[in-house]
Amino acid sequence: GDRIVVFTEKTGSRTRLAGIIVEMKRAGSRRVPLVALTDRLAGYFVLVVLALSLGAYLYAWDLGPHVAMERMVSMLVITCPCALGLATPLAISTALGRAARRGFIIKGGGVFEALSGIGAHGARPLLVFDKTGTLTAGEMRLTSWHGARAERGWVRAMERSSEHPVALALLEGIDPKEERGAPGSVREYAGEGLEGKFAGAQVLLGSPDFLSRRGVQINSAFSSVIDSEASLGRSIVVVARKGIARAVAAVGDRLRPEARGSLALLRSRGFRTALLSGDHSRVVSGVAEELGGFLEVKGGISPEGKLRYIEDKARTGPVIMVGDGINDAPALAAASVGIAVKGGAEASLRAADVYCRREGLKPVIELIDHSIGVLRTVRLGVGVSLFYNVVGATLAFNGLVGPLTAAVLMPCSSLTVLALAAGSRSFR
C-alpha cells in the first residue's frame, strides 16, 4: 500500500507549540498599567487603614481601653484590600479565558486597556489594514465572465492541465457540467496562456497581449471590458476560438462580503482608515475604489515601508494595525495595538498583541467592543471595593460594627468583585 513519510524537525521545548506557550507566559508576566495602578492604590490603602485604625483607637480611648481595642480591631478586619487588588486581575483573567474560547489569543490585559482607551482623549484613532486576507478573501476567484457562456466549457477542459493560480481559479469558478470533451492536445506558454485543439479547431486562452501576438483580433466591446477589469486589478483571460475573441474572464481576489459594512461601522465610531499592501498599486487602488473612504492608500509597499508608515503615524495618535502575522510583523509590533487575522500563530504572537483565528473585520469590531466591556467591569469592581471599604471603615470608626460582624462582612467585597467578573458579558 501507499506509505506516508513524516519527518520530525523539532521536539519538546523546541516545537512551535512550546514557543507559543513561552511567548504567552512572557507576555503574561508583564504588568498591565491598570493592574499596576490598582496595586499602588492598594498599598496606599493599607497605610491609610493603619492610620485610621490607630485614630479609631485614640478616638475611643475615653470610652475605655476595651472599647478602643474593639474599634481598632473592627477597623482592621472590615477594611480589606483584597477586593481592591483582585478587581483588575480577576476581570482581566476571566476575559482572557473567554476571549480564547471565542478565537482570540491575546498577549495580555494591556490590550483591553489600550483598545478601550483609544480615542478617549480626542485623538481620532487610525485603523491601518493590510489588503489580502483582511479586506479580501486571500484566494484567486473567477470574478466575472463576459461573452458567450458556451466558451466556458473549452476553458475548463484546457485549464485542467495547468497548475497556475489563474487556472485553478477558473476551474473552481466554472461548473464541471459545462466542461466539453477532452482536447486533442494542449500546449502551455508559461505566464502567457494555453493553446488547445478540439476536433481540429484551435482554442486560445490567455492574456490580451498573448492573443494579440497570435493574430487574434479583440473587438472594441471586449477591449472596453478589459480596460475596466484591469483598472480594478483583475487578471484578464481572453478566450478565442478559430482566431476570433469570443469571451473575456476576469480573475481576482474577491472582497469579503462584510468588508464594506464593517468599514462603514468603524468609521461611524470615529476611526480613520488607511490601506497598505505589497500588491501592485493598481490592484490596491481598485480595492480602495470599491470600498471607498480610506484616508490613505499605498500599494507596492514593503514590510519596512509599512513599519515606517506606522511609526510615523504613531507619533501623532493611536494606531491599530490589522494584517498578516508574518508579512506585517514589524508593523504589527510597532502599532499601538497589532491585530493579526491571518498567518501562523507563532509568528503572529511574536509580532502582534492579538491573534484572531477568524479572518475578516467582524472579529476586529468584536474585539474592540468587548475590550470596552472588560474595562467597564474593572472600573465597576474597583468602585464597588472602594465604596465598601469607605462605608465599612466609617461604621467601624464610629463603633457601629463589632469585630465579629466585621469578620462576617469582610469577605463580602471580595465575593462581590468575583460575582462582577463572573457575570460580565464581555466575550460571552
Protein backbone atom coordinates (compact mmCIF):
# COMPACT_ATOMS: atom_id res chain seq x y z
CA GLY A 1 0.00 0.00 0.00
CA ASP A 2 0.91 3.70 -0.06
CA ARG A 3 3.32 4.99 2.56
CA ILE A 4 3.31 8.29 4.38
CA VAL A 5 6.71 9.52 5.49
CA VAL A 6 6.74 12.04 8.34
CA PHE A 7 9.88 13.98 9.30
CA THR A 8 10.16 15.40 12.82
CA GLU A 9 12.24 18.55 12.83
CA LYS A 10 11.78 19.68 16.43
CA THR A 11 10.64 18.10 19.68
CA GLY A 12 9.82 19.12 23.22
CA SER A 13 10.69 22.69 24.13
CA ARG A 14 11.78 23.44 20.55
CA THR A 15 8.34 22.89 18.98
CA ARG A 16 6.10 25.69 17.78
CA LEU A 17 3.55 24.99 20.50
CA ALA A 18 6.24 25.29 23.17
CA GLY A 19 7.35 28.58 21.61
CA ILE A 20 3.79 29.92 21.72
CA ILE A 21 3.43 28.96 25.37
CA VAL A 22 6.72 30.68 26.23
CA GLU A 23 5.60 33.85 24.46
CA MET A 24 2.27 33.85 26.25
CA LYS A 25 3.95 33.30 29.66
CA ARG A 26 6.40 36.09 28.94
CA ALA A 27 3.55 38.40 27.96
CA GLY A 28 1.53 37.34 30.98
CA SER A 29 4.36 38.29 33.31
CA ARG A 30 4.25 41.89 32.12
CA ARG A 31 2.28 44.20 34.38
CA VAL A 32 -0.85 45.72 32.88
CA PRO A 33 -0.80 49.51 33.55
CA LEU A 34 -4.20 49.41 35.24
CA VAL A 35 -3.15 46.45 37.42
CA ALA A 36 -0.01 48.34 38.46
CA LEU A 37 -2.17 51.36 39.31
CA THR A 38 -4.57 49.36 41.50
CA ASP A 39 -1.61 47.63 43.20
CA ARG A 40 -0.17 51.03 44.13
CA LEU A 41 -3.61 52.15 45.25
CA ALA A 42 -3.91 49.04 47.46
CA GLY A 43 -0.52 49.84 49.01
CA TYR A 44 -1.61 53.36 49.91
CA PHE A 45 -4.92 51.96 51.11
CA VAL A 46 -3.14 49.74 53.67
CA LEU A 47 -1.27 52.75 55.07
CA VAL A 48 -4.48 54.75 55.32
CA VAL A 49 -6.27 51.86 57.07
CA LEU A 50 -3.45 51.51 59.62
CA ALA A 51 -3.57 55.25 60.31
CA LEU A 52 -7.39 55.18 60.67
CA SER A 53 -7.23 52.16 62.95
CA LEU A 54 -4.82 53.97 65.24
CA GLY A 55 -7.07 57.02 65.03
CA ALA A 56 -10.12 54.93 65.98
CA TYR A 57 -8.23 53.55 68.99
CA LEU A 58 -7.24 57.01 70.19
CA TYR A 59 -10.69 58.46 69.46
CA ALA A 60 -12.42 55.80 71.63
CA TRP A 61 -9.82 55.83 74.41
CA ASP A 62 -12.08 57.91 76.63
CA LEU A 63 -14.67 55.09 76.45
CA GLY A 64 -12.19 52.64 77.88
CA PRO A 65 -9.27 50.54 76.58
CA HIS A 66 -11.58 47.60 75.83
CA VAL A 67 -13.86 49.68 73.60
CA ALA A 68 -10.91 51.35 71.91
CA MET A 69 -9.33 47.98 71.16
CA GLU A 70 -12.61 46.64 69.73
CA ARG A 71 -12.95 49.59 67.36
CA MET A 72 -9.37 49.29 66.18
CA VAL A 73 -9.77 45.53 65.55
CA SER A 74 -13.10 46.10 63.79
CA MET A 75 -11.44 48.68 61.55
CA LEU A 76 -8.57 46.33 60.66
CA VAL A 77 -10.90 43.40 59.95
CA ILE A 78 -13.64 45.06 57.93
CA THR A 79 -11.33 47.09 55.69
CA CYS A 80 -9.86 44.56 53.28
CA PRO A 81 -7.53 45.50 50.40
CA CYS A 82 -8.02 42.03 48.85
CA ALA A 83 -11.02 43.04 46.75
CA LEU A 84 -9.23 46.17 45.55
CA GLY A 85 -6.22 44.10 44.50
CA LEU A 86 -8.37 41.35 42.96
CA ALA A 87 -10.76 43.52 40.92
CA THR A 88 -8.48 44.17 37.94
CA PRO A 89 -6.57 40.87 37.52
CA LEU A 90 -9.73 38.82 38.14
CA ALA A 91 -11.73 40.66 35.47
CA ILE A 92 -8.81 40.53 33.02
CA SER A 93 -8.00 36.84 33.52
CA THR A 94 -11.68 35.94 33.12
CA ALA A 95 -11.85 37.97 29.89
CA LEU A 96 -8.65 36.41 28.52
CA GLY A 97 -10.04 32.91 29.03
CA ARG A 98 -13.35 33.75 27.42
CA ALA A 99 -11.62 35.52 24.55
CA ALA A 100 -9.53 32.40 23.84
CA ARG A 101 -12.71 30.34 23.58
CA ARG A 102 -14.07 32.86 21.07
CA GLY A 103 -10.98 32.61 18.88
CA PHE A 104 -8.83 35.47 20.23
CA ILE A 105 -5.36 34.72 21.57
CA ILE A 106 -4.39 37.88 23.46
CA LYS A 107 -0.94 38.55 24.86
CA GLY A 108 -2.09 40.34 27.98
CA GLY A 109 -4.69 42.53 29.62
CA GLY A 110 -2.96 45.68 28.40
CA VAL A 111 -4.71 45.10 25.05
CA PHE A 112 -8.11 45.66 26.67
CA GLU A 113 -6.93 48.89 28.24
CA ALA A 114 -5.35 50.11 25.01
CA LEU A 115 -8.38 49.32 22.81
CA SER A 116 -10.94 50.68 25.26
CA GLY A 117 -8.97 53.88 25.76
CA ILE A 118 -8.22 54.58 22.09
CA GLY A 119 -9.67 57.90 21.07
CA ALA A 120 -10.65 58.77 24.65
CA HIS A 121 -8.55 61.95 24.68
CA GLY A 122 -9.87 63.45 21.46
CA ALA A 123 -7.39 61.90 19.01
CA ARG A 124 -9.19 60.04 16.24
CA PRO A 125 -7.58 56.58 16.09
CA LEU A 126 -6.17 55.31 12.80
CA LEU A 127 -7.01 51.79 11.66
CA VAL A 128 -4.44 50.52 9.15
CA PHE A 129 -5.37 47.46 7.09
CA ASP A 130 -3.39 45.06 5.03
CA LYS A 131 -5.43 44.01 1.99
CA THR A 132 -5.02 40.29 1.41
CA GLY A 133 -6.90 38.06 3.83
CA THR A 134 -8.28 41.04 5.73
CA LEU A 135 -10.41 43.02 3.31
CA THR A 136 -10.24 40.33 0.63
CA ALA A 137 -10.68 36.57 0.76
CA GLY A 138 -7.00 35.94 0.05
CA GLU A 139 -7.72 33.46 -2.76
CA MET A 140 -7.97 33.90 -6.53
CA ARG A 141 -11.53 33.55 -7.86
CA LEU A 142 -13.37 33.99 -11.14
CA THR A 143 -14.97 37.37 -10.55
CA SER A 144 -16.75 37.96 -13.87
CA TRP A 145 -17.39 36.46 -17.29
CA HIS A 146 -18.15 38.47 -20.41
CA GLY A 147 -19.21 36.91 -23.70
CA ALA A 148 -20.58 33.54 -24.82
CA ARG A 149 -21.10 31.14 -21.91
CA ALA A 150 -20.58 28.20 -24.26
CA GLU A 151 -16.87 29.04 -24.30
CA ARG A 152 -16.60 28.22 -20.59
CA GLY A 153 -16.61 24.53 -21.42
CA TRP A 154 -13.48 24.84 -23.59
CA VAL A 155 -11.73 26.86 -20.90
CA ARG A 156 -12.39 24.31 -18.15
CA ALA A 157 -11.28 21.40 -20.32
CA MET A 158 -7.97 23.10 -21.13
CA GLU A 159 -7.18 24.52 -17.70
CA ARG A 160 -7.28 21.03 -16.16
CA SER A 161 -3.71 20.57 -17.41
CA SER A 162 -2.35 23.68 -15.64
CA GLU A 163 -1.40 24.36 -12.01
CA HIS A 164 -1.28 28.15 -12.42
CA PRO A 165 -3.33 30.07 -9.77
CA VAL A 166 -5.42 31.66 -12.52
CA ALA A 167 -6.13 28.23 -13.99
CA LEU A 168 -7.18 26.90 -10.60
CA ALA A 169 -9.49 29.88 -10.12
CA LEU A 170 -11.15 29.22 -13.49
CA LEU A 171 -11.54 25.52 -12.70
CA GLU A 172 -13.27 26.36 -9.44
CA GLY A 173 -15.42 29.08 -10.96
CA ILE A 174 -16.78 27.05 -13.88
CA ASP A 175 -19.27 24.25 -13.24
CA PRO A 176 -17.87 20.80 -14.17
CA LYS A 177 -21.15 20.15 -16.01
CA GLU A 178 -20.18 22.86 -18.52
CA GLU A 179 -16.93 21.14 -19.47
CA ARG A 180 -16.54 20.00 -23.08
CA GLY A 181 -14.73 16.85 -24.14
CA ALA A 182 -11.00 16.48 -23.59
CA PRO A 183 -8.86 18.47 -26.04
CA GLY A 184 -6.76 16.62 -28.59
CA SER A 185 -3.70 18.47 -27.34
CA VAL A 186 -2.84 21.34 -25.01
CA ARG A 187 0.29 23.45 -25.02
CA GLU A 188 1.09 25.83 -22.19
CA TYR A 189 3.05 29.04 -22.71
CA ALA A 190 4.48 29.86 -19.27
CA GLY A 191 2.98 33.04 -17.84
CA GLU A 192 1.03 33.78 -21.03
CA GLY A 193 -1.68 31.27 -21.82
CA LEU A 194 -2.74 27.96 -23.36
CA GLU A 195 -3.33 26.62 -26.86
CA GLY A 196 -5.55 23.60 -27.46
CA LYS A 197 -7.18 21.69 -30.27
CA PHE A 198 -10.75 20.43 -30.19
CA ALA A 199 -11.76 18.37 -33.22
CA GLY A 200 -9.27 20.29 -35.31
CA ALA A 201 -10.43 23.74 -34.09
CA GLN A 202 -7.83 25.91 -32.41
CA VAL A 203 -8.73 27.38 -28.99
CA LEU A 204 -6.51 30.02 -27.39
CA LEU A 205 -6.83 31.49 -23.93
CA GLY A 206 -4.52 33.80 -22.08
CA SER A 207 -3.57 37.44 -21.61
CA PRO A 208 -4.69 40.04 -24.20
CA ASP A 209 -1.06 40.56 -25.28
CA PHE A 210 -0.57 36.84 -25.82
CA LEU A 211 -3.64 36.56 -28.03
CA SER A 212 -2.74 39.72 -29.96
CA ARG A 213 0.68 38.23 -30.77
CA ARG A 214 -1.11 35.15 -32.07
CA GLY A 215 -3.09 37.29 -34.51
CA VAL A 216 -6.40 37.35 -32.62
CA GLN A 217 -8.46 40.50 -33.16
CA ILE A 218 -10.16 41.81 -30.00
CA ASN A 219 -13.26 43.92 -30.73
CA SER A 220 -13.96 47.28 -29.09
CA ALA A 221 -16.58 45.89 -26.69
CA PHE A 222 -14.13 43.36 -25.28
CA SER A 223 -11.37 45.98 -25.21
CA SER A 224 -13.57 48.20 -23.05
CA VAL A 225 -14.26 45.29 -20.68
CA ILE A 226 -10.53 44.51 -20.48
CA ASP A 227 -9.67 48.12 -19.59
CA SER A 228 -12.42 48.24 -16.97
CA GLU A 229 -11.45 44.97 -15.27
CA ALA A 230 -7.74 45.76 -15.43
CA SER A 231 -8.35 49.09 -13.67
CA LEU A 232 -9.71 47.05 -10.76
CA GLY A 233 -6.55 44.99 -10.67
CA ARG A 234 -8.05 41.82 -12.15
CA SER A 235 -6.07 39.26 -14.13
CA ILE A 236 -7.59 39.06 -17.62
CA VAL A 237 -8.06 35.87 -19.64
CA VAL A 238 -9.29 36.23 -23.24
CA VAL A 239 -10.85 33.18 -24.92
CA ALA A 240 -10.53 32.86 -28.70
CA ARG A 241 -11.75 30.09 -30.98
CA LYS A 242 -10.92 29.85 -34.66
CA GLY A 243 -8.98 33.11 -34.42
CA ILE A 244 -11.90 35.16 -33.02
CA ALA A 245 -12.15 36.52 -29.46
CA ARG A 246 -15.37 35.15 -28.02
CA ALA A 247 -15.20 35.81 -24.25
CA VAL A 248 -13.26 37.59 -21.52
CA ALA A 249 -12.83 36.24 -17.99
CA ALA A 250 -11.63 38.32 -15.03
CA VAL A 251 -9.87 36.64 -12.13
CA GLY A 252 -9.09 38.35 -8.85
CA ASP A 253 -9.09 38.28 -5.09
CA ARG A 254 -12.69 38.99 -4.12
CA LEU A 255 -13.68 41.41 -1.40
CA ARG A 256 -15.06 39.91 1.76
CA PRO A 257 -18.85 40.34 1.78
CA GLU A 258 -18.80 42.08 5.17
CA ALA A 259 -15.88 44.42 4.36
CA ARG A 260 -17.88 47.44 3.19
CA GLY A 261 -20.39 47.35 6.06
CA SER A 262 -17.74 46.73 8.71
CA LEU A 263 -15.61 49.64 7.49
CA ALA A 264 -18.65 51.92 7.49
CA LEU A 265 -19.41 50.90 11.10
CA LEU A 266 -15.84 51.54 12.24
CA ARG A 267 -15.79 54.93 10.54
CA SER A 268 -19.10 55.88 12.14
CA ARG A 269 -17.40 55.30 15.50
CA GLY A 270 -14.70 57.83 14.71
CA PHE A 271 -11.96 55.60 13.30
CA ARG A 272 -9.91 56.82 10.36
CA THR A 273 -8.84 54.08 7.94
CA ALA A 274 -5.82 53.50 5.72
CA LEU A 275 -4.92 50.69 3.33
CA LEU A 276 -1.38 49.33 2.88
CA SER A 277 -0.41 46.37 0.70
CA GLY A 278 2.57 44.85 -1.01
CA ASP A 279 0.40 44.12 -4.06
CA HIS A 280 0.63 46.19 -7.23
CA SER A 281 -0.62 49.75 -6.80
CA ARG A 282 -3.30 49.28 -9.46
CA VAL A 283 -4.72 46.28 -7.61
CA VAL A 284 -4.73 48.12 -4.27
CA SER A 285 -6.29 51.23 -5.80
CA GLY A 286 -9.03 49.07 -7.31
CA VAL A 287 -9.89 47.59 -3.91
CA ALA A 288 -9.80 51.04 -2.30
CA GLU A 289 -12.10 52.41 -5.01
CA GLU A 290 -14.62 49.64 -4.42
CA LEU A 291 -14.66 50.16 -0.65
CA GLY A 292 -14.09 53.93 -0.54
CA GLY A 293 -13.42 56.18 2.43
CA PHE A 294 -9.73 55.48 3.01
CA LEU A 295 -7.60 58.31 4.33
CA GLU A 296 -4.52 56.95 2.55
CA VAL A 297 -3.91 54.09 0.09
CA LYS A 298 -0.45 52.72 -0.60
CA GLY A 299 0.37 49.78 -2.88
CA GLY A 300 3.64 48.04 -3.62
CA ILE A 301 4.86 48.83 -0.12
CA SER A 302 7.45 46.63 1.58
CA PRO A 303 7.26 45.39 5.20
CA GLU A 304 9.91 48.00 6.04
CA GLY A 305 7.78 50.65 4.37
CA LYS A 306 4.77 49.62 6.43
CA LEU A 307 6.87 49.86 9.58
CA ARG A 308 7.99 53.39 8.72
CA TYR A 309 4.40 54.40 7.99
CA ILE A 310 3.12 53.04 11.32
CA GLU A 311 5.95 54.67 13.29
CA ASP A 312 5.27 57.99 11.59
CA LYS A 313 1.53 57.90 12.30
CA ALA A 314 2.03 56.71 15.89
CA ARG A 315 3.78 59.99 16.69
CA THR A 316 0.52 61.90 16.28
CA GLY A 317 -2.01 59.46 17.78
CA PRO A 318 -3.06 55.87 18.44
CA VAL A 319 -2.67 53.39 15.56
CA ILE A 320 -4.24 49.95 15.24
CA MET A 321 -2.65 47.67 12.64
CA VAL A 322 -4.69 44.77 11.23
CA GLY A 323 -2.80 42.39 8.99
CA ASP A 324 -0.95 39.17 8.40
CA GLY A 325 1.06 37.82 11.31
CA ILE A 326 4.08 37.06 9.12
CA ASN A 327 4.43 39.63 6.34
CA ASP A 328 3.28 42.52 8.53
CA ALA A 329 5.24 41.53 11.65
CA PRO A 330 7.30 44.76 12.02
CA ALA A 331 4.26 47.00 11.54
CA LEU A 332 2.13 44.91 13.93
CA ALA A 333 4.82 45.17 16.60
CA ALA A 334 5.16 48.96 16.17
CA ALA A 335 1.43 49.75 16.32
CA SER A 336 -0.38 50.82 19.48
CA VAL A 337 -2.29 47.56 19.09
CA GLY A 338 -1.34 44.94 16.49
CA ILE A 339 -4.09 42.52 15.42
CA ALA A 340 -3.17 39.52 13.26
CA VAL A 341 -6.14 37.97 11.46
CA LYS A 342 -4.23 35.55 9.28
CA GLY A 343 -0.91 33.69 9.18
CA GLY A 344 0.90 31.35 11.54
CA ALA A 345 0.01 31.62 15.22
CA GLU A 346 3.66 31.51 16.25
CA ALA A 347 4.71 34.45 14.09
CA SER A 348 1.53 36.32 14.95
CA LEU A 349 2.05 36.02 18.70
CA ARG A 350 5.64 37.15 18.39
CA ALA A 351 4.66 40.28 16.45
CA ALA A 352 1.05 41.15 17.28
CA ASP A 353 -0.81 41.82 20.50
CA VAL A 354 -3.79 39.77 19.34
CA TYR A 355 -4.10 36.74 17.08
CA CYS A 356 -7.59 36.09 15.67
CA ARG A 357 -8.32 32.59 14.50
CA ARG A 358 -11.17 34.04 12.42
CA GLU A 359 -10.45 36.20 9.40
CA GLY A 360 -12.13 39.37 8.23
CA LEU A 361 -13.23 42.52 10.02
CA LYS A 362 -16.04 41.28 12.24
CA PRO A 363 -13.59 39.88 14.83
CA VAL A 364 -11.87 43.28 14.96
CA ILE A 365 -15.15 45.04 15.77
CA GLU A 366 -15.97 42.34 18.31
CA LEU A 367 -12.57 42.71 19.98
CA ILE A 368 -12.93 46.49 20.34
CA ASP A 369 -16.49 46.25 21.71
CA HIS A 370 -15.65 43.57 24.27
CA SER A 371 -12.48 45.35 25.38
CA ILE A 372 -14.60 48.34 26.36
CA GLY A 373 -16.80 45.95 28.35
CA VAL A 374 -13.78 44.46 30.15
CA LEU A 375 -12.57 47.87 31.34
CA ARG A 376 -16.11 48.73 32.40
CA THR A 377 -16.13 45.62 34.62
CA VAL A 378 -12.72 46.51 36.03
CA ARG A 379 -13.79 50.04 36.96
CA LEU A 380 -17.02 48.76 38.46
CA GLY A 381 -15.12 46.24 40.58
CA VAL A 382 -12.67 48.86 41.83
CA GLY A 383 -15.52 51.26 42.54
CA VAL A 384 -17.52 48.68 44.50
CA SER A 385 -14.44 47.74 46.52
CA LEU A 386 -13.67 51.34 47.42
CA PHE A 387 -17.30 52.05 48.29
CA TYR A 388 -17.47 49.00 50.57
CA ASN A 389 -14.26 49.94 52.38
CA VAL A 390 -15.31 53.57 52.88
CA VAL A 391 -18.68 52.55 54.31
CA GLY A 392 -17.17 49.75 56.42
CA ALA A 393 -14.42 51.99 57.79
CA THR A 394 -16.94 54.67 58.71
CA LEU A 395 -19.14 52.17 60.59
CA ALA A 396 -16.16 50.63 62.40
CA PHE A 397 -14.70 54.01 63.33
CA ASN A 398 -17.96 55.04 64.99
CA GLY A 399 -18.41 51.73 66.80
CA LEU A 400 -21.47 50.64 64.78
CA VAL A 401 -19.79 47.35 63.76
CA GLY A 402 -18.10 44.95 66.17
CA PRO A 403 -15.19 42.59 65.40
CA LEU A 404 -17.48 39.57 64.87
CA THR A 405 -19.78 41.42 62.48
CA ALA A 406 -16.72 42.85 60.69
CA ALA A 407 -15.36 39.32 60.21
CA VAL A 408 -18.67 38.27 58.63
CA LEU A 409 -18.84 41.33 56.34
CA MET A 410 -15.17 41.27 55.33
CA PRO A 411 -15.48 38.63 52.54
CA CYS A 412 -18.47 40.42 51.01
CA SER A 413 -16.38 42.81 48.93
CA SER A 414 -14.24 40.02 47.51
CA LEU A 415 -17.32 37.93 46.72
CA THR A 416 -18.93 40.93 45.03
CA VAL A 417 -15.87 41.53 42.85
CA LEU A 418 -15.81 37.81 41.96
CA ALA A 419 -19.50 37.92 41.03
CA LEU A 420 -18.99 41.01 38.85
CA ALA A 421 -16.13 39.31 36.95
CA ALA A 422 -18.09 36.07 36.51
CA GLY A 423 -21.24 37.92 35.46
CA SER A 424 -19.54 40.19 32.94
CA ARG A 425 -20.93 39.89 29.42
CA SER A 426 -17.54 40.55 27.81
CA PHE A 427 -16.51 37.85 25.31
CA ARG A 428 -19.57 35.74 26.06
